[in-house]
Amino acid sequence: MVCRHELLGTPDVKAPTLVRRFVIDYAFASHIGTRESATLPKAKVSSSVGKIDNVVTYANPLTGGIRLSFTFDPKNNRAAELRAELSFADRRTAETWLYRWTSP
């Protein structure tokens, strides 16, 4: 699993945004097979504080896995626990992703 996050919005020295976009790539073992042909999984993304928006899952043809992306707005909080889970139609689940975000 690979994760990256980036700032969103227009840079503004006087009022910088704390909204972040997270992108998580799930790769599956070759003996399991790819999930591209299957129905995309449902994503459940949560945070201990702030707001989660724009949750999207789609097939990643470069890895044969699934890409999950979402935005996180901490709403002036200094730390948050983020959690993401994928659930497939056949009741299989992918590895749960956990992340402790702290304000820069």
N, C-alpha and C. Protein backbone atom coordinates (compact mmCIF):
# COMPACT_ATOMS: atom_id res chain seq x y z
N MET A 1 0.85 -1.15 0.00
CA MET A 1 0.00 0.00 0.00
C MET A 1 0.91 1.23 0.00
N VAL A 2 0.57 2.18 -0.83
CA VAL A 2 1.33 3.42 -0.94
C VAL A 2 0.37 4.57 -0.68
N CYS A 3 0.82 5.57 0.06
CA CYS A 3 -0.02 6.73 0.35
C CYS A 3 0.77 8.00 0.12
N ARG A 4 0.08 9.02 -0.35
CA ARG A 4 0.68 10.35 -0.43
C ARG A 4 -0.42 11.36 -0.13
N HIS A 5 0.00 12.55 0.31
CA HIS A 5 -0.99 13.61 0.52
C HIS A 5 -0.39 14.93 0.10
N GLU A 6 -1.28 15.86 -0.23
CA GLU A 6 -0.86 17.15 -0.76
C GLU A 6 -1.81 18.24 -0.30
N LEU A 7 -1.34 19.47 -0.32
CA LEU A 7 -2.18 20.63 0.00
C LEU A 7 -3.14 20.89 -1.14
N LEU A 8 -4.30 21.41 -0.82
CA LEU A 8 -5.27 21.81 -1.84
C LEU A 8 -5.53 23.30 -1.73
N GLY A 9 -6.03 23.88 -2.76
CA GLY A 9 -6.41 25.28 -2.73
C GLY A 9 -5.31 26.18 -3.25
N THR A 10 -5.61 27.45 -3.27
CA THR A 10 -4.67 28.45 -3.74
C THR A 10 -3.73 28.85 -2.60
N PRO A 11 -2.42 28.84 -2.84
CA PRO A 11 -1.51 29.27 -1.79
C PRO A 11 -1.80 30.72 -1.40
N ASP A 12 -1.84 30.97 -0.12
CA ASP A 12 -2.09 32.31 0.38
C ASP A 12 -1.29 32.48 1.67
N VAL A 13 -0.31 33.34 1.64
CA VAL A 13 0.56 33.52 2.79
C VAL A 13 -0.21 34.00 4.01
N LYS A 14 -1.23 34.81 3.80
CA LYS A 14 -1.99 35.36 4.93
C LYS A 14 -2.97 34.34 5.51
N ALA A 15 -3.49 33.44 4.70
CA ALA A 15 -4.48 32.46 5.16
C ALA A 15 -4.29 31.14 4.43
N PRO A 16 -3.22 30.39 4.73
CA PRO A 16 -3.00 29.13 4.04
C PRO A 16 -4.08 28.10 4.39
N THR A 17 -4.38 27.23 3.48
CA THR A 17 -5.39 26.20 3.70
C THR A 17 -4.75 24.98 4.33
N LEU A 18 -5.49 24.32 5.20
CA LEU A 18 -5.04 23.05 5.78
C LEU A 18 -5.70 21.86 5.12
N VAL A 19 -6.58 22.10 4.13
CA VAL A 19 -7.25 21.01 3.44
C VAL A 19 -6.21 20.18 2.69
N ARG A 20 -6.29 18.87 2.87
CA ARG A 20 -5.34 17.95 2.25
C ARG A 20 -6.08 16.94 1.38
N ARG A 21 -5.40 16.51 0.29
CA ARG A 21 -5.92 15.40 -0.50
C ARG A 21 -5.03 14.20 -0.21
N PHE A 22 -5.65 13.08 0.10
CA PHE A 22 -4.93 11.84 0.33
C PHE A 22 -5.21 10.89 -0.82
N VAL A 23 -4.18 10.19 -1.28
CA VAL A 23 -4.30 9.19 -2.34
C VAL A 23 -3.64 7.91 -1.84
N ILE A 24 -4.41 6.82 -1.82
CA ILE A 24 -3.90 5.54 -1.33
C ILE A 24 -4.03 4.53 -2.46
N ASP A 25 -2.91 3.88 -2.80
CA ASP A 25 -2.92 2.82 -3.80
C ASP A 25 -2.86 1.47 -3.11
N TYR A 26 -3.87 0.64 -3.35
CA TYR A 26 -3.90 -0.73 -2.84
C TYR A 26 -3.42 -1.65 -3.94
N ALA A 27 -2.45 -2.48 -3.65
CA ALA A 27 -1.97 -3.48 -4.59
C ALA A 27 -2.31 -4.84 -3.99
N PHE A 28 -2.71 -5.78 -4.84
CA PHE A 28 -3.13 -7.08 -4.36
C PHE A 28 -2.13 -8.14 -4.81
N ALA A 29 -1.93 -9.15 -3.97
CA ALA A 29 -1.00 -10.23 -4.30
C ALA A 29 -1.43 -10.94 -5.57
N SER A 30 -0.46 -11.38 -6.35
CA SER A 30 -0.77 -11.99 -7.65
C SER A 30 -1.62 -13.24 -7.52
N HIS A 31 -1.51 -13.99 -6.42
CA HIS A 31 -2.31 -15.20 -6.28
C HIS A 31 -3.78 -14.90 -6.01
N ILE A 32 -4.08 -13.67 -5.61
CA ILE A 32 -5.47 -13.27 -5.40
C ILE A 32 -6.11 -12.87 -6.72
N GLY A 33 -5.31 -12.36 -7.63
CA GLY A 33 -5.84 -11.90 -8.91
C GLY A 33 -6.18 -10.43 -8.84
N THR A 34 -6.34 -9.82 -9.98
CA THR A 34 -6.68 -8.39 -9.98
C THR A 34 -8.16 -8.22 -9.76
N ARG A 35 -8.53 -7.07 -9.32
CA ARG A 35 -9.93 -6.76 -9.03
C ARG A 35 -10.50 -5.81 -10.08
N GLU A 36 -9.73 -5.56 -11.15
CA GLU A 36 -10.20 -4.59 -12.14
C GLU A 36 -11.53 -4.98 -12.75
N SER A 37 -11.71 -6.28 -13.00
CA SER A 37 -12.94 -6.71 -13.67
C SER A 37 -14.11 -6.79 -12.70
N ALA A 38 -13.85 -6.80 -11.42
CA ALA A 38 -14.91 -6.88 -10.42
C ALA A 38 -15.51 -5.50 -10.17
N THR A 39 -16.61 -5.50 -9.47
CA THR A 39 -17.21 -4.24 -9.05
C THR A 39 -16.26 -3.52 -8.11
N LEU A 40 -16.17 -2.22 -8.25
CA LEU A 40 -15.29 -1.45 -7.38
C LEU A 40 -15.76 -1.56 -5.93
N PRO A 41 -14.84 -1.59 -5.00
CA PRO A 41 -15.22 -1.70 -3.59
C PRO A 41 -15.83 -0.41 -3.07
N LYS A 42 -16.54 -0.54 -1.96
CA LYS A 42 -17.06 0.63 -1.26
C LYS A 42 -15.99 1.08 -0.28
N ALA A 43 -15.77 2.36 -0.21
CA ALA A 43 -14.78 2.91 0.71
C ALA A 43 -15.48 3.55 1.89
N LYS A 44 -14.95 3.30 3.06
CA LYS A 44 -15.42 3.95 4.28
C LYS A 44 -14.22 4.69 4.85
N VAL A 45 -14.29 6.02 4.86
CA VAL A 45 -13.20 6.85 5.35
C VAL A 45 -13.74 7.68 6.51
N SER A 46 -12.98 7.69 7.61
CA SER A 46 -13.43 8.44 8.77
C SER A 46 -12.26 9.19 9.41
N SER A 47 -12.61 10.16 10.23
CA SER A 47 -11.62 10.96 10.94
C SER A 47 -12.14 11.25 12.34
N SER A 48 -11.22 11.32 13.30
CA SER A 48 -11.62 11.62 14.67
C SER A 48 -12.12 13.06 14.82
N VAL A 49 -11.63 13.96 13.97
CA VAL A 49 -12.06 15.36 13.95
C VAL A 49 -12.05 15.84 12.51
N GLY A 50 -12.63 16.98 12.24
CA GLY A 50 -12.60 17.55 10.90
C GLY A 50 -13.63 16.94 9.97
N LYS A 51 -13.40 17.11 8.69
CA LYS A 51 -14.38 16.69 7.68
C LYS A 51 -13.70 15.93 6.54
N ILE A 52 -14.28 14.81 6.16
CA ILE A 52 -13.84 14.00 5.01
C ILE A 52 -14.80 14.27 3.87
N ASP A 53 -14.26 14.52 2.66
CA ASP A 53 -15.09 14.77 1.47
C ASP A 53 -14.48 14.08 0.26
N ASN A 54 -15.25 14.07 -0.82
CA ASN A 54 -14.78 13.63 -2.14
C ASN A 54 -14.12 12.26 -2.12
N VAL A 55 -14.75 11.29 -1.47
CA VAL A 55 -14.22 9.93 -1.42
C VAL A 55 -14.48 9.25 -2.76
N VAL A 56 -13.41 8.78 -3.42
CA VAL A 56 -13.52 8.17 -4.74
C VAL A 56 -12.64 6.92 -4.80
N THR A 57 -13.18 5.83 -5.33
CA THR A 57 -12.37 4.63 -5.60
C THR A 57 -12.43 4.35 -7.09
N TYR A 58 -11.31 3.91 -7.64
CA TYR A 58 -11.27 3.53 -9.05
C TYR A 58 -10.13 2.55 -9.29
N ALA A 59 -10.25 1.81 -10.37
CA ALA A 59 -9.21 0.84 -10.73
C ALA A 59 -7.95 1.59 -11.15
N ASN A 60 -6.80 1.07 -10.73
CA ASN A 60 -5.52 1.64 -11.11
C ASN A 60 -4.87 0.67 -12.09
N PRO A 61 -4.93 0.96 -13.39
CA PRO A 61 -4.41 0.02 -14.39
C PRO A 61 -2.90 -0.16 -14.32
N LEU A 62 -2.18 0.76 -13.73
CA LEU A 62 -0.72 0.63 -13.64
C LEU A 62 -0.31 -0.42 -12.62
N THR A 63 -1.10 -0.57 -11.54
CA THR A 63 -0.75 -1.53 -10.50
C THR A 63 -1.65 -2.75 -10.50
N GLY A 64 -2.78 -2.68 -11.19
CA GLY A 64 -3.75 -3.77 -11.14
C GLY A 64 -4.54 -3.77 -9.84
N GLY A 65 -4.40 -2.72 -9.07
CA GLY A 65 -5.09 -2.61 -7.79
C GLY A 65 -6.16 -1.54 -7.81
N ILE A 66 -6.42 -1.00 -6.65
CA ILE A 66 -7.46 0.01 -6.47
C ILE A 66 -6.81 1.28 -5.92
N ARG A 67 -7.28 2.43 -6.40
CA ARG A 67 -6.84 3.72 -5.87
C ARG A 67 -8.01 4.36 -5.15
N LEU A 68 -7.74 4.84 -3.95
CA LEU A 68 -8.72 5.54 -3.14
C LEU A 68 -8.20 6.95 -2.92
N SER A 69 -9.05 7.94 -3.14
CA SER A 69 -8.65 9.32 -2.85
C SER A 69 -9.77 10.01 -2.08
N PHE A 70 -9.38 10.99 -1.26
CA PHE A 70 -10.34 11.77 -0.49
C PHE A 70 -9.68 13.06 -0.02
N THR A 71 -10.50 14.01 0.38
CA THR A 71 -9.96 15.25 0.96
C THR A 71 -10.29 15.27 2.46
N PHE A 72 -9.41 15.92 3.19
CA PHE A 72 -9.56 16.04 4.64
C PHE A 72 -9.35 17.49 5.04
N ASP A 73 -10.34 18.05 5.75
CA ASP A 73 -10.24 19.40 6.29
C ASP A 73 -10.24 19.27 7.81
N PRO A 74 -9.12 19.59 8.46
CA PRO A 74 -9.04 19.42 9.91
C PRO A 74 -9.86 20.41 10.72
N LYS A 75 -10.40 21.45 10.10
CA LYS A 75 -11.26 22.43 10.78
C LYS A 75 -10.58 23.02 12.03
N ASN A 76 -9.36 23.49 11.85
CA ASN A 76 -8.59 24.15 12.91
C ASN A 76 -8.13 23.22 14.04
N ASN A 77 -8.23 21.92 13.87
CA ASN A 77 -7.70 20.98 14.85
C ASN A 77 -6.22 20.73 14.56
N ARG A 78 -5.46 20.39 15.56
CA ARG A 78 -4.01 20.21 15.41
C ARG A 78 -3.61 18.77 15.14
N ALA A 79 -4.51 17.81 15.38
CA ALA A 79 -4.19 16.40 15.15
C ALA A 79 -5.48 15.64 14.85
N ALA A 80 -5.35 14.56 14.10
CA ALA A 80 -6.51 13.73 13.76
C ALA A 80 -6.06 12.30 13.48
N GLU A 81 -6.94 11.37 13.76
CA GLU A 81 -6.74 9.96 13.40
C GLU A 81 -7.60 9.69 12.18
N LEU A 82 -6.98 9.30 11.07
CA LEU A 82 -7.71 8.99 9.84
C LEU A 82 -7.74 7.48 9.65
N ARG A 83 -8.82 6.99 9.07
CA ARG A 83 -8.99 5.55 8.85
C ARG A 83 -9.71 5.34 7.52
N ALA A 84 -9.22 4.38 6.73
CA ALA A 84 -9.86 4.05 5.45
C ALA A 84 -9.97 2.53 5.34
N GLU A 85 -11.13 2.08 4.86
CA GLU A 85 -11.38 0.66 4.66
C GLU A 85 -12.06 0.45 3.32
N LEU A 86 -11.70 -0.61 2.62
CA LEU A 86 -12.36 -1.00 1.38
C LEU A 86 -13.13 -2.29 1.63
N SER A 87 -14.38 -2.34 1.18
CA SER A 87 -15.20 -3.54 1.29
C SER A 87 -15.69 -3.92 -0.10
N PHE A 88 -15.45 -5.18 -0.48
CA PHE A 88 -15.87 -5.68 -1.78
C PHE A 88 -17.24 -6.33 -1.68
N ALA A 89 -17.92 -6.46 -2.81
CA ALA A 89 -19.28 -7.01 -2.86
C ALA A 89 -19.33 -8.43 -2.31
N ASP A 90 -18.24 -9.19 -2.47
CA ASP A 90 -18.22 -10.57 -1.98
C ASP A 90 -17.79 -10.67 -0.52
N ARG A 91 -17.84 -9.56 0.19
CA ARG A 91 -17.56 -9.44 1.62
C ARG A 91 -16.07 -9.50 1.98
N ARG A 92 -15.20 -9.55 0.98
CA ARG A 92 -13.77 -9.46 1.28
C ARG A 92 -13.45 -8.02 1.64
N THR A 93 -12.43 -7.85 2.45
CA THR A 93 -11.98 -6.52 2.79
C THR A 93 -10.50 -6.39 2.50
N ALA A 94 -10.07 -5.19 2.23
CA ALA A 94 -8.65 -4.91 2.02
C ALA A 94 -8.05 -4.48 3.35
N GLU A 95 -6.75 -4.37 3.37
CA GLU A 95 -6.04 -3.92 4.56
C GLU A 95 -6.59 -2.56 5.00
N THR A 96 -6.78 -2.39 6.30
CA THR A 96 -7.24 -1.10 6.83
C THR A 96 -6.07 -0.14 6.90
N TRP A 97 -6.28 1.07 6.41
CA TRP A 97 -5.26 2.11 6.40
C TRP A 97 -5.52 3.03 7.58
N LEU A 98 -4.50 3.29 8.38
CA LEU A 98 -4.59 4.20 9.52
C LEU A 98 -3.49 5.24 9.39
N TYR A 99 -3.81 6.48 9.78
CA TYR A 99 -2.82 7.55 9.67
C TYR A 99 -3.09 8.59 10.76
N ARG A 100 -2.05 8.99 11.46
CA ARG A 100 -2.17 10.07 12.44
C ARG A 100 -1.65 11.33 11.77
N TRP A 101 -2.57 12.25 11.48
CA TRP A 101 -2.21 13.53 10.85
C TRP A 101 -1.96 14.55 11.95
N THR A 102 -0.90 15.34 11.81
CA THR A 102 -0.63 16.45 12.71
C THR A 102 -0.41 17.71 11.88
N SER A 103 -0.84 18.81 12.42
CA SER A 103 -0.71 20.09 11.73
C SER A 103 0.76 20.49 11.59
N PRO A 104 1.13 21.05 10.43
CA PRO A 104 2.53 21.45 10.25
C PRO A 104 2.91 22.62 11.15
